[in-house]
PDB file of N, CA and C in Angstrom:
ATOM      1  N   UNK A   1     -81.033   2.357  84.258  1.00  0.00           N
ATOM      2  CA  UNK A   1     -82.039   1.322  84.052  1.00  0.00           C
ATOM      3  C   UNK A   1     -81.605   0.418  82.908  1.00  0.00           C
ATOM      4  N   UNK A   2     -81.965  -0.829  83.011  1.00  0.00           N
ATOM      5  CA  UNK A   2     -81.644  -1.774  81.953  1.00  0.00           C
ATOM      6  C   UNK A   2     -82.589  -1.579  80.774  1.00  0.00           C
ATOM      7  N   UNK A   3     -82.154  -2.040  79.618  1.00  0.00           N
ATOM      8  CA  UNK A   3     -82.933  -1.858  78.391  1.00  0.00           C
ATOM      9  C   UNK A   3     -84.305  -2.512  78.455  1.00  0.00           C
ATOM     10  N   UNK A   4     -84.435  -3.564  79.233  1.00  0.00           N
ATOM     11  CA  UNK A   4     -85.725  -4.256  79.293  1.00  0.00           C
ATOM     12  C   UNK A   4     -86.817  -3.411  79.945  1.00  0.00           C
ATOM     13  N   UNK A   5     -86.433  -2.322  80.616  1.00  0.00           N
ATOM     14  CA  UNK A   5     -87.409  -1.446  81.255  1.00  0.00           C
ATOM     15  C   UNK A   5     -87.731  -0.197  80.438  1.00  0.00           C
ATOM     16  N   UNK A   6     -87.083   0.006  79.305  1.00  0.00           N
ATOM     17  CA  UNK A   6     -87.189   1.250  78.563  1.00  0.00           C
ATOM     18  C   UNK A   6     -87.999   1.053  77.274  1.00  0.00           C
ATOM     19  N   UNK A   7     -88.863   2.014  76.973  1.00  0.00           N
ATOM     20  CA  UNK A   7     -89.562   2.052  75.688  1.00  0.00           C
ATOM     21  C   UNK A   7     -88.821   3.051  74.819  1.00  0.00           C
ATOM     22  N   UNK A   8     -88.341   2.627  73.663  1.00  0.00           N
ATOM     23  CA  UNK A   8     -87.577   3.503  72.780  1.00  0.00           C
ATOM     24  C   UNK A   8     -88.294   3.826  71.472  1.00  0.00           C
ATOM     25  N   UNK A   9     -89.095   2.895  70.975  1.00  0.00           N
ATOM     26  CA  UNK A   9     -89.707   3.082  69.661  1.00  0.00           C
ATOM     27  C   UNK A   9     -90.786   4.155  69.703  1.00  0.00           C
ATOM     28  N   UNK A  10     -90.710   5.067  68.747  1.00  0.00           N
ATOM     29  CA  UNK A  10     -91.675   6.158  68.663  1.00  0.00           C
ATOM     30  C   UNK A  10     -93.093   5.636  68.476  1.00  0.00           C
ATOM     31  N   UNK A  11     -93.249   4.564  67.736  1.00  0.00           N
ATOM     32  CA  UNK A  11     -94.584   4.009  67.502  1.00  0.00           C
ATOM     33  C   UNK A  11     -95.205   3.491  68.802  1.00  0.00           C
ATOM     34  N   UNK A  12     -94.401   2.900  69.669  1.00  0.00           N
ATOM     35  CA  UNK A  12     -94.923   2.408  70.947  1.00  0.00           C
ATOM     36  C   UNK A  12     -95.317   3.568  71.861  1.00  0.00           C
ATOM     37  N   UNK A  13     -94.509   4.621  71.863  1.00  0.00           N
ATOM     38  CA  UNK A  13     -94.814   5.792  72.683  1.00  0.00           C
ATOM     39  C   UNK A  13     -96.069   6.483  72.169  1.00  0.00           C
ATOM     40  N   UNK A  14     -96.188   6.613  70.846  1.00  0.00           N
ATOM     41  CA  UNK A  14     -97.378   7.232  70.257  1.00  0.00           C
ATOM     42  C   UNK A  14     -98.642   6.444  70.571  1.00  0.00           C
ATOM     43  N   UNK A  15     -98.538   5.114  70.587  1.00  0.00           N
ATOM     44  CA  UNK A  15     -99.718   4.306  70.902  1.00  0.00           C
ATOM     45  C   UNK A  15    -100.147   4.516  72.358  1.00  0.00           C
ATOM     46  N   UNK A  16     -99.192   4.764  73.254  1.00  0.00           N
ATOM     47  CA  UNK A  16     -99.544   5.058  74.638  1.00  0.00           C
ATOM     48  C   UNK A  16    -100.245   6.414  74.749  1.00  0.00           C
ATOM     49  N   UNK A  17     -99.769   7.406  73.976  1.00  0.00           N
ATOM     50  CA  UNK A  17    -100.423   8.711  73.981  1.00  0.00           C
ATOM     51  C   UNK A  17    -101.836   8.615  73.411  1.00  0.00           C
ATOM     52  N   UNK A  18    -102.034   7.769  72.428  1.00  0.00           N
ATOM     53  CA  UNK A  18    -103.351   7.618  71.810  1.00  0.00           C
ATOM     54  C   UNK A  18    -104.311   6.813  72.672  1.00  0.00           C
ATOM     55  N   UNK A  19    -103.809   6.067  73.635  1.00  0.00           N
ATOM     56  CA  UNK A  19    -104.667   5.240  74.470  1.00  0.00           C
ATOM     57  C   UNK A  19    -105.613   6.068  75.337  1.00  0.00           C
ATOM     58  N   UNK A  20    -105.301   7.344  75.542  1.00  0.00           N
ATOM     59  CA  UNK A  20    -106.138   8.273  76.301  1.00  0.00           C
ATOM     60  C   UNK A  20    -106.314   7.855  77.762  1.00  0.00           C
ATOM     61  N   UNK A  21    -105.566   6.883  78.212  1.00  0.00           N
ATOM     62  CA  UNK A  21    -105.631   6.454  79.602  1.00  0.00           C
ATOM     63  C   UNK A  21    -104.563   7.226  80.360  1.00  0.00           C
ATOM     64  N   UNK A  22    -104.942   8.396  80.902  1.00  0.00           N
ATOM     65  CA  UNK A  22    -103.945   9.251  81.523  1.00  0.00           C
ATOM     66  C   UNK A  22    -104.437   9.797  82.850  1.00  0.00           C
ATOM     67  N   UNK A  23    -103.472  10.189  83.651  1.00  0.00           N
ATOM     68  CA  UNK A  23    -103.741  10.800  84.946  1.00  0.00           C
ATOM     69  C   UNK A  23    -102.603  11.743  85.241  1.00  0.00           C
ATOM     70  N   UNK A  24    -102.866  12.823  85.902  1.00  0.00           N
ATOM     71  CA  UNK A  24    -101.806  13.767  86.155  1.00  0.00           C
ATOM     72  C   UNK A  24    -102.042  14.638  87.356  1.00  0.00           C
ATOM     73  N   UNK A  25    -101.009  15.388  87.697  1.00  0.00           N
ATOM     74  CA  UNK A  25    -101.106  16.441  88.693  1.00  0.00           C
ATOM     75  C   UNK A  25    -100.454  17.680  88.088  1.00  0.00           C
ATOM     76  N   UNK A  26    -100.110  18.657  88.883  1.00  0.00           N
ATOM     77  CA  UNK A  26     -99.580  19.890  88.310  1.00  0.00           C
ATOM     78  C   UNK A  26     -98.133  19.771  87.858  1.00  0.00           C
ATOM     79  N   UNK A  27     -97.465  18.648  88.145  1.00  0.00           N
ATOM     80  CA  UNK A  27     -96.061  18.483  87.785  1.00  0.00           C
ATOM     81  C   UNK A  27     -95.800  17.353  86.784  1.00  0.00           C
ATOM     82  N   UNK A  28     -96.633  16.325  86.788  1.00  0.00           N
ATOM     83  CA  UNK A  28     -96.426  15.164  85.924  1.00  0.00           C
ATOM     84  C   UNK A  28     -97.755  14.690  85.336  1.00  0.00           C
ATOM     85  N   UNK A  29     -97.675  14.046  84.174  1.00  0.00           N
ATOM     86  CA  UNK A  29     -98.815  13.348  83.577  1.00  0.00           C
ATOM     87  C   UNK A  29     -98.320  11.959  83.205  1.00  0.00           C
ATOM     88  N   UNK A  30     -99.124  10.946  83.500  1.00  0.00           N
ATOM     89  CA  UNK A  30     -98.751   9.570  83.164  1.00  0.00           C
ATOM     90  C   UNK A  30     -99.782   9.006  82.211  1.00  0.00           C
ATOM     91  N   UNK A  31     -99.316   8.542  81.048  1.00  0.00           N
ATOM     92  CA  UNK A  31    -100.130   7.810  80.084  1.00  0.00           C
ATOM     93  C   UNK A  31     -99.779   6.349  80.272  1.00  0.00           C
ATOM     94  N   UNK A  32    -100.781   5.483  80.413  1.00  0.00           N
ATOM     95  CA  UNK A  32    -100.459   4.081  80.674  1.00  0.00           C
ATOM     96  C   UNK A  32    -101.280   3.126  79.829  1.00  0.00           C
ATOM     97  N   UNK A  33    -100.744   1.945  79.705  1.00  0.00           N
ATOM     98  CA  UNK A  33    -101.416   0.830  79.049  1.00  0.00           C
ATOM     99  C   UNK A  33    -101.123  -0.394  79.892  1.00  0.00           C
ATOM    100  N   UNK A  34    -102.145  -0.966  80.512  1.00  0.00           N
ATOM    101  CA  UNK A  34    -101.915  -2.124  81.370  1.00  0.00           C
ATOM    102  C   UNK A  34    -102.457  -3.410  80.758  1.00  0.00           C
ATOM    103  N   UNK A  35    -102.670  -3.404  79.462  1.00  0.00           N
ATOM    104  CA  UNK A  35    -103.176  -4.601  78.785  1.00  0.00           C
ATOM    105  C   UNK A  35    -102.041  -5.425  78.186  1.00  0.00           C
ATOM    106  N   UNK A  36    -100.826  -5.148  78.594  1.00  0.00           N
ATOM    107  CA  UNK A  36     -99.655  -5.808  78.028  1.00  0.00           C
ATOM    108  C   UNK A  36     -99.208  -6.910  78.968  1.00  0.00           C
ATOM    109  N   UNK A  37     -98.850  -8.052  78.420  1.00  0.00           N
ATOM    110  CA  UNK A  37     -98.359  -9.166  79.224  1.00  0.00           C
ATOM    111  C   UNK A  37     -96.849  -9.253  79.120  1.00  0.00           C
ATOM    112  N   UNK A  38     -96.188  -8.340  79.796  1.00  0.00           N
ATOM    113  CA  UNK A  38     -94.733  -8.325  79.825  1.00  0.00           C
ATOM    114  C   UNK A  38     -94.232  -9.026  81.073  1.00  0.00           C
ATOM    115  N   UNK A  39     -92.984  -9.432  81.022  1.00  0.00           N
ATOM    116  CA  UNK A  39     -92.334  -9.953  82.211  1.00  0.00           C
ATOM    117  C   UNK A  39     -91.951  -8.790  83.115  1.00  0.00           C
ATOM    118  N   UNK A  40     -91.584  -7.664  82.504  1.00  0.00           N
ATOM    119  CA  UNK A  40     -91.189  -6.464  83.234  1.00  0.00           C
ATOM    120  C   UNK A  40     -92.030  -5.279  82.774  1.00  0.00           C
ATOM    121  N   UNK A  41     -92.189  -4.298  83.666  1.00  0.00           N
ATOM    122  CA  UNK A  41     -92.821  -3.060  83.258  1.00  0.00           C
ATOM    123  C   UNK A  41     -91.873  -2.317  82.329  1.00  0.00           C
ATOM    124  N   UNK A  42     -92.419  -1.415  81.508  1.00  0.00           N
ATOM    125  CA  UNK A  42     -91.602  -0.599  80.609  1.00  0.00           C
ATOM    126  C   UNK A  42     -92.100   0.828  80.677  1.00  0.00           C
ATOM    127  N   UNK A  43     -91.179   1.790  80.564  1.00  0.00           N
ATOM    128  CA  UNK A  43     -91.584   3.185  80.645  1.00  0.00           C
ATOM    129  C   UNK A  43     -90.707   4.055  79.763  1.00  0.00           C
ATOM    130  N   UNK A  44     -91.206   5.253  79.519  1.00  0.00           N
ATOM    131  CA  UNK A  44     -90.474   6.279  78.777  1.00  0.00           C
ATOM    132  C   UNK A  44     -90.749   7.609  79.464  1.00  0.00           C
ATOM    133  N   UNK A  45     -89.933   8.601  79.142  1.00  0.00           N
ATOM    134  CA  UNK A  45     -90.131   9.937  79.691  1.00  0.00           C
ATOM    135  C   UNK A  45     -90.193  10.939  78.562  1.00  0.00           C
ATOM    136  N   UNK A  46     -90.962  11.994  78.781  1.00  0.00           N
ATOM    137  CA  UNK A  46     -91.057  13.082  77.825  1.00  0.00           C
ATOM    138  C   UNK A  46     -90.951  14.393  78.585  1.00  0.00           C
ATOM    139  N   UNK A  47     -90.119  15.293  78.060  1.00  0.00           N
ATOM    140  CA  UNK A  47     -89.934  16.585  78.701  1.00  0.00           C
ATOM    141  C   UNK A  47     -89.719  17.625  77.611  1.00  0.00           C
ATOM    142  N   UNK A  48     -90.374  18.757  77.736  1.00  0.00           N
ATOM    143  CA  UNK A  48     -90.284  19.795  76.715  1.00  0.00           C
ATOM    144  C   UNK A  48     -89.160  20.785  76.986  1.00  0.00           C
ATOM    145  N   UNK A  49     -88.850  21.580  75.982  1.00  0.00           N
ATOM    146  CA  UNK A  49     -87.783  22.568  76.105  1.00  0.00           C
ATOM    147  C   UNK A  49     -88.157  23.724  77.024  1.00  0.00           C
ATOM    148  N   UNK A  50     -89.441  23.902  77.295  1.00  0.00           N
ATOM    149  CA  UNK A  50     -89.859  24.972  78.199  1.00  0.00           C
ATOM    150  C   UNK A  50     -89.410  24.704  79.633  1.00  0.00           C
ATOM    151  N   UNK A  51     -89.052  23.467  79.932  1.00  0.00           N
ATOM    152  CA  UNK A  51     -88.611  23.111  81.276  1.00  0.00           C
ATOM    153  C   UNK A  51     -87.351  23.870  81.664  1.00  0.00           C
ATOM    154  N   UNK A  52     -86.403  23.942  80.742  1.00  0.00           N
ATOM    155  CA  UNK A  52     -85.128  24.599  81.027  1.00  0.00           C
ATOM    156  C   UNK A  52     -84.092  24.150  80.027  1.00  0.00           C
ATOM    157  N   UNK A  53     -82.842  24.432  80.340  1.00  0.00           N
ATOM    158  CA  UNK A  53     -81.779  24.039  79.413  1.00  0.00           C
ATOM    159  C   UNK A  53     -81.517  22.531  79.515  1.00  0.00           C
ATOM    160  N   UNK A  54     -80.616  22.035  78.692  1.00  0.00           N
ATOM    161  CA  UNK A  54     -80.362  20.594  78.612  1.00  0.00           C
ATOM    162  C   UNK A  54     -79.865  20.034  79.941  1.00  0.00           C
ATOM    163  N   UNK A  55     -79.086  20.815  80.667  1.00  0.00           N
ATOM    164  CA  UNK A  55     -78.576  20.344  81.953  1.00  0.00           C
ATOM    165  C   UNK A  55     -79.724  20.106  82.925  1.00  0.00           C
ATOM    166  N   UNK A  56     -80.660  21.037  82.996  1.00  0.00           N
ATOM    167  CA  UNK A  56     -81.808  20.901  83.899  1.00  0.00           C
ATOM    168  C   UNK A  56     -82.704  19.738  83.478  1.00  0.00           C
ATOM    169  N   UNK A  57     -82.933  19.594  82.172  1.00  0.00           N
ATOM    170  CA  UNK A  57     -83.781  18.495  81.686  1.00  0.00           C
ATOM    171  C   UNK A  57     -83.143  17.143  81.986  1.00  0.00           C
ATOM    172  N   UNK A  58     -81.849  17.026  81.770  1.00  0.00           N
ATOM    173  CA  UNK A  58     -81.170  15.757  82.048  1.00  0.00           C
ATOM    174  C   UNK A  58     -81.152  15.450  83.535  1.00  0.00           C
ATOM    175  N   UNK A  59     -81.035  16.476  84.368  1.00  0.00           N
ATOM    176  CA  UNK A  59     -81.022  16.269  85.816  1.00  0.00           C
ATOM    177  C   UNK A  59     -82.339  15.667  86.291  1.00  0.00           C
ATOM    178  N   UNK A  60     -83.465  16.231  85.860  1.00  0.00           N
ATOM    179  CA  UNK A  60     -84.737  15.688  86.328  1.00  0.00           C
ATOM    180  C   UNK A  60     -84.989  14.291  85.749  1.00  0.00           C
ATOM    181  N   UNK A  61     -84.508  14.033  84.542  1.00  0.00           N
ATOM    182  CA  UNK A  61     -84.667  12.679  83.990  1.00  0.00           C
ATOM    183  C   UNK A  61     -83.868  11.669  84.817  1.00  0.00           C
ATOM    184  N   UNK A  62     -82.668  12.046  85.248  1.00  0.00           N
ATOM    185  CA  UNK A  62     -81.881  11.166  86.123  1.00  0.00           C
ATOM    186  C   UNK A  62     -82.599  10.945  87.453  1.00  0.00           C
ATOM    187  N   UNK A  63     -83.193  12.004  87.994  1.00  0.00           N
ATOM    188  CA  UNK A  63     -83.899  11.879  89.258  1.00  0.00           C
ATOM    189  C   UNK A  63     -85.125  10.977  89.141  1.00  0.00           C
ATOM    190  N   UNK A  64     -85.877  11.124  88.055  1.00  0.00           N
ATOM    191  CA  UNK A  64     -87.066  10.289  87.854  1.00  0.00           C
ATOM    192  C   UNK A  64     -86.656   8.826  87.662  1.00  0.00           C
ATOM    193  N   UNK A  65     -85.603   8.578  86.887  1.00  0.00           N
ATOM    194  CA  UNK A  65     -85.121   7.199  86.729  1.00  0.00           C
ATOM    195  C   UNK A  65     -84.694   6.610  88.067  1.00  0.00           C
ATOM    196  N   UNK A  66     -84.074   7.418  88.912  1.00  0.00           N
ATOM    197  CA  UNK A  66     -83.655   6.964  90.231  1.00  0.00           C
ATOM    198  C   UNK A  66     -84.863   6.589  91.092  1.00  0.00           C
ATOM    199  N   UNK A  67     -85.911   7.389  91.035  1.00  0.00           N
ATOM    200  CA  UNK A  67     -87.129   7.097  91.793  1.00  0.00           C
ATOM    201  C   UNK A  67     -87.773   5.807  91.300  1.00  0.00           C
ATOM    202  N   UNK A  68     -87.815   5.628  89.989  1.00  0.00           N
ATOM    203  CA  UNK A  68     -88.373   4.392  89.417  1.00  0.00           C
ATOM    204  C   UNK A  68     -87.530   3.192  89.854  1.00  0.00           C
ATOM    205  N   UNK A  69     -86.218   3.331  89.809  1.00  0.00           N
ATOM    206  CA  UNK A  69     -85.311   2.243  90.189  1.00  0.00           C
ATOM    207  C   UNK A  69     -85.488   1.866  91.659  1.00  0.00           C
ATOM    208  N   UNK A  70     -85.651   2.855  92.541  1.00  0.00           N
ATOM    209  CA  UNK A  70     -85.836   2.589  93.966  1.00  0.00           C
ATOM    210  C   UNK A  70     -87.130   1.825  94.232  1.00  0.00           C
ATOM    211  N   UNK A  71     -88.145   2.056  93.424  1.00  0.00           N
ATOM    212  CA  UNK A  71     -89.462   1.462  93.657  1.00  0.00           C
ATOM    213  C   UNK A  71     -89.833   0.385  92.649  1.00  0.00           C
ATOM    214  N   UNK A  72     -88.872  -0.132  91.909  1.00  0.00           N
ATOM    215  CA  UNK A  72     -89.208  -1.060  90.822  1.00  0.00           C
ATOM    216  C   UNK A  72     -89.816  -2.363  91.313  1.00  0.00           C
ATOM    217  N   UNK A  73     -89.534  -2.774  92.541  1.00  0.00           N
ATOM    218  CA  UNK A  73     -90.146  -4.010  93.029  1.00  0.00           C
ATOM    219  C   UNK A  73     -91.610  -3.816  93.409  1.00  0.00           C
ATOM    220  N   UNK A  74     -92.082  -2.569  93.521  1.00  0.00           N
ATOM    221  CA  UNK A  74     -93.482  -2.287  93.833  1.00  0.00           C
ATOM    222  C   UNK A  74     -94.321  -2.027  92.587  1.00  0.00           C
ATOM    223  N   UNK A  75     -93.676  -1.909  91.429  1.00  0.00           N
ATOM    224  CA  UNK A  75     -94.385  -1.583  90.192  1.00  0.00           C
ATOM    225  C   UNK A  75     -94.885  -2.869  89.534  1.00  0.00           C
ATOM    226  N   UNK A  76     -96.157  -2.848  89.135  1.00  0.00           N
ATOM    227  CA  UNK A  76     -96.784  -4.006  88.501  1.00  0.00           C
ATOM    228  C   UNK A  76     -96.130  -4.279  87.142  1.00  0.00           C
ATOM    229  N   UNK A  77     -95.677  -5.498  86.889  1.00  0.00           N
ATOM    230  CA  UNK A  77     -94.963  -5.787  85.631  1.00  0.00           C
ATOM    231  C   UNK A  77     -95.839  -5.766  84.384  1.00  0.00           C
ATOM    232  N   UNK A  78     -97.140  -5.674  84.511  1.00  0.00           N
ATOM    233  CA  UNK A  78     -98.020  -5.688  83.341  1.00  0.00           C
ATOM    234  C   UNK A  78     -98.307  -4.293  82.822  1.00  0.00           C
ATOM    235  N   UNK A  79     -97.463  -3.326  83.114  1.00  0.00           N
ATOM    236  CA  UNK A  79     -97.709  -1.946  82.727  1.00  0.00           C
ATOM    237  C   UNK A  79     -96.658  -1.420  81.777  1.00  0.00           C
ATOM    238  N   UNK A  80     -97.117  -0.579  80.873  1.00  0.00           N
ATOM    239  CA  UNK A  80     -96.250   0.269  80.059  1.00  0.00           C
ATOM    240  C   UNK A  80     -96.760   1.680  80.278  1.00  0.00           C
ATOM    241  N   UNK A  81     -95.843   2.623  80.505  1.00  0.00           N
ATOM    242  CA  UNK A  81     -96.294   3.984  80.769  1.00  0.00           C
ATOM    243  C   UNK A  81     -95.268   5.008  80.307  1.00  0.00           C
ATOM    244  N   UNK A  82     -95.777   6.220  80.065  1.00  0.00           N
ATOM    245  CA  UNK A  82     -94.949   7.358  79.695  1.00  0.00           C
ATOM    246  C   UNK A  82     -95.157   8.430  80.753  1.00  0.00           C
ATOM    247  N   UNK A  83     -94.071   8.956  81.284  1.00  0.00           N
ATOM    248  CA  UNK A  83     -94.133  10.045  82.252  1.00  0.00           C
ATOM    249  C   UNK A  83     -93.821  11.337  81.514  1.00  0.00           C
ATOM    250  N   UNK A  84     -94.774  12.261  81.502  1.00  0.00           N
ATOM    251  CA  UNK A  84     -94.563  13.573  80.896  1.00  0.00           C
ATOM    252  C   UNK A  84     -94.258  14.542  82.035  1.00  0.00           C
ATOM    253  N   UNK A  85     -93.120  15.204  81.932  1.00  0.00           N
ATOM    254  CA  UNK A  85     -92.682  16.127  82.979  1.00  0.00           C
ATOM    255  C   UNK A  85     -93.053  17.541  82.554  1.00  0.00           C
ATOM    256  N   UNK A  86     -93.844  18.216  83.367  1.00  0.00           N
ATOM    257  CA  UNK A  86     -94.297  19.569  83.053  1.00  0.00           C
ATOM    258  C   UNK A  86     -93.248  20.602  83.493  1.00  0.00           C
ATOM    259  N   UNK A  87     -93.259  21.789  82.882  1.00  0.00           N
ATOM    260  CA  UNK A  87     -92.284  22.829  83.242  1.00  0.00           C
ATOM    261  C   UNK A  87     -92.355  23.283  84.702  1.00  0.00           C
ATOM    262  N   UNK A  88     -93.503  23.161  85.352  1.00  0.00           N
ATOM    263  CA  UNK A  88     -93.630  23.579  86.746  1.00  0.00           C
ATOM    264  C   UNK A  88     -92.785  22.725  87.681  1.00  0.00           C
ATOM    265  N   UNK A  89     -92.376  21.526  87.237  1.00  0.00           N
ATOM    266  CA  UNK A  89     -91.612  20.623  88.094  1.00  0.00           C
ATOM    267  C   UNK A  89     -90.202  21.132  88.368  1.00  0.00           C
ATOM    268  N   UNK A  90     -89.736  22.138  87.626  1.00  0.00           N
ATOM    269  CA  UNK A  90     -88.374  22.618  87.863  1.00  0.00           C
ATOM    270  C   UNK A  90     -88.245  23.392  89.168  1.00  0.00           C
ATOM    271  N   UNK A  91     -89.341  23.651  89.842  1.00  0.00           N
ATOM    272  CA  UNK A  91     -89.309  24.334  91.129  1.00  0.00           C
ATOM    273  C   UNK A  91     -89.162  23.359  92.293  1.00  0.00           C
ATOM    274  N   UNK A  92     -89.239  22.068  92.028  1.00  0.00           N
ATOM    275  CA  UNK A  92     -89.255  21.060  93.090  1.00  0.00           C
ATOM    276  C   UNK A  92     -87.863  20.570  93.452  1.00  0.00           C
ATOM    277  N   UNK A  93     -87.705  20.212  94.716  1.00  0.00           N
ATOM    278  CA  UNK A  93     -86.511  19.520  95.180  1.00  0.00           C
ATOM    279  C   UNK A  93     -86.730  18.016  94.985  1.00  0.00           C
ATOM    280  N   UNK A  94     -85.659  17.225  95.171  1.00  0.00           N
ATOM    281  CA  UNK A  94     -85.739  15.790  94.921  1.00  0.00           C
ATOM    282  C   UNK A  94     -86.810  15.113  95.786  1.00  0.00           C
ATOM    283  N   UNK A  95     -86.905  15.478  97.065  1.00  0.00           N
ATOM    284  CA  UNK A  95     -87.886  14.850  97.949  1.00  0.00           C
ATOM    285  C   UNK A  95     -89.306  15.142  97.470  1.00  0.00           C
ATOM    286  N   UNK A  96     -89.539  16.366  96.977  1.00  0.00           N
ATOM    287  CA  UNK A  96     -90.863  16.721  96.471  1.00  0.00           C
ATOM    288  C   UNK A  96     -91.178  15.975  95.176  1.00  0.00           C
ATOM    289  N   UNK A  97     -90.180  15.836  94.308  1.00  0.00           N
ATOM    290  CA  UNK A  97     -90.359  15.077  93.068  1.00  0.00           C
ATOM    291  C   UNK A  97     -90.722  13.638  93.404  1.00  0.00           C
ATOM    292  N   UNK A  98     -90.002  13.068  94.355  1.00  0.00           N
ATOM    293  CA  UNK A  98     -90.249  11.692  94.779  1.00  0.00           C
ATOM    294  C   UNK A  98     -91.681  11.541  95.295  1.00  0.00           C
ATOM    295  N   UNK A  99     -92.110  12.428  96.173  1.00  0.00           N
ATOM    296  CA  UNK A  99     -93.455  12.341  96.744  1.00  0.00           C
ATOM    297  C   UNK A  99     -94.529  12.495  95.669  1.00  0.00           C
ATOM    298  N   UNK A 100     -94.404  13.507  94.809  1.00  0.00           N
ATOM    299  CA  UNK A 100     -95.403  13.754  93.780  1.00  0.00           C
ATOM    300  C   UNK A 100     -95.501  12.591  92.797  1.00  0.00           C
ATOM    301  N   UNK A 101     -94.343  12.062  92.378  1.00  0.00           N
ATOM    302  CA  UNK A 101     -94.330  10.986  91.387  1.00  0.00           C
ATOM    303  C   UNK A 101     -94.854   9.678  91.977  1.00  0.00           C
ATOM    304  N   UNK A 102     -94.444   9.347  93.188  1.00  0.00           N
ATOM    305  CA  UNK A 102     -94.915   8.111  93.820  1.00  0.00           C
ATOM    306  C   UNK A 102     -96.417   8.182  94.063  1.00  0.00           C
ATOM    307  N   UNK A 103     -96.912   9.324  94.521  1.00  0.00           N
ATOM    308  CA  UNK A 103     -98.361   9.476  94.720  1.00  0.00           C
ATOM    309  C   UNK A 103     -99.120   9.286  93.414  1.00  0.00           C
ATOM    310  N   UNK A 104     -98.588   9.832  92.334  1.00  0.00           N
ATOM    311  CA  UNK A 104     -99.250   9.696  91.039  1.00  0.00           C
ATOM    312  C   UNK A 104     -99.193   8.256  90.531  1.00  0.00           C
ATOM    313  N   UNK A 105     -98.072   7.578  90.735  1.00  0.00           N
ATOM    314  CA  UNK A 105     -97.966   6.172  90.327  1.00  0.00           C
ATOM    315  C   UNK A 105     -98.950   5.300  91.109  1.00  0.00           C
ATOM    316  N   UNK A 106     -99.167   5.615  92.369  1.00  0.00           N
ATOM    317  CA  UNK A 106    -100.136   4.854  93.164  1.00  0.00           C
ATOM    318  C   UNK A 106    -101.562   5.152  92.693  1.00  0.00           C
ATOM    319  N   UNK A 107    -101.862   6.415  92.389  1.00  0.00           N
ATOM    320  CA  UNK A 107    -103.204   6.774  91.910  1.00  0.00           C
ATOM    321  C   UNK A 107    -103.530   6.099  90.589  1.00  0.00           C
ATOM    322  N   UNK A 108    -102.532   5.947  89.718  1.00  0.00           N
ATOM    323  CA  UNK A 108    -102.772   5.307  88.422  1.00  0.00           C
ATOM    324  C   UNK A 108    -102.744   3.791  88.506  1.00  0.00           C
ATOM    325  N   UNK A 109    -102.520   3.265  89.713  1.00  0.00           N
ATOM    326  CA  UNK A 109    -102.469   1.825  89.974  1.00  0.00           C
ATOM    327  C   UNK A 109    -101.331   1.139  89.229  1.00  0.00           C
ATOM    328  N   UNK A 110    -100.273   1.887  88.954  1.00  0.00           N
ATOM    329  CA  UNK A 110     -99.063   1.302  88.384  1.00  0.00           C
ATOM    330  C   UNK A 110     -98.217   0.712  89.501  1.00  0.00           C
ATOM    331  N   UNK A 111     -98.230   1.392  90.639  1.00  0.00           N
ATOM    332  CA  UNK A 111     -97.400   0.986  91.762  1.00  0.00           C
ATOM    333  C   UNK A 111     -98.275   0.678  92.967  1.00  0.00           C
ATOM    334  N   UNK A 112     -97.882  -0.345  93.718  1.00  0.00           N
ATOM    335  CA  UNK A 112     -98.581  -0.680  94.947  1.00  0.00           C
ATOM    336  C   UNK A 112     -97.965   0.109  96.090  1.00  0.00           C
ATOM    337  N   UNK A 113     -98.747   0.351  97.107  1.00  0.00           N
ATOM    338  CA  UNK A 113     -98.177   0.975  98.293  1.00  0.00           C
ATOM    339  C   UNK A 113     -97.321  -0.053  99.007  1.00  0.00           C
ATOM    340  N   UNK A 114     -96.439   0.401  99.847  1.00  0.00           N
ATOM    341  CA  UNK A 114     -95.541  -0.511 100.557  1.00  0.00           C
ATOM    342  C   UNK A 114     -96.314  -1.442 101.475  1.00  0.00           C
ATOM    343  N   UNK A 115     -97.442  -0.993 102.008  1.00  0.00           N
ATOM    344  CA  UNK A 115     -98.246  -1.828 102.898  1.00  0.00           C
ATOM    345  C   UNK A 115     -98.905  -2.983 102.149  1.00  0.00           C
ATOM    346  N   UNK A 116     -99.317  -2.747 100.893  1.00  0.00           N
ATOM    347  CA  UNK A 116     -99.973  -3.798 100.112  1.00  0.00           C
ATOM    348  C   UNK A 116     -99.010  -4.900  99.720  1.00  0.00           C
ATOM    349  N   UNK A 117     -97.728  -4.558  99.528  1.00  0.00           N
ATOM    350  CA  UNK A 117     -96.749  -5.548  99.063  1.00  0.00           C
ATOM    351  C   UNK A 117     -96.412  -6.534 100.162  1.00  0.00           C
ATOM    352  N   UNK A 118     -96.414  -6.093 101.417  1.00  0.00           N
ATOM    353  CA  UNK A 118     -96.027  -6.976 102.530  1.00  0.00           C
ATOM    354  C   UNK A 118     -97.104  -7.908 102.927  1.00  0.00           C
TER     355      UNK A 118
END
């Protein structure tokens, strides 16, 4: 992902956590702020050490970035969000991760369904 899509500053991530605007399922939690007037959406990821070793954590982060990249034209540009990956997600295959994450992004109104975009 390009830098324009990434949130790096700890203060910005903390403000998203404090916004209390969150939604989740048993594998992911999304904290969002849609009051921002950006040209592009921005996101960050958070994953704890309970998930697994560094190789496993990096693998799921690559997979989540890939899912975001595949669907970036459906994501509303006025959003900033943090994806928190829960330890239970290490049992999922890529297709399941994709389905769970896309469903959650649609529920939080960060992403439009493919039918709405056309």
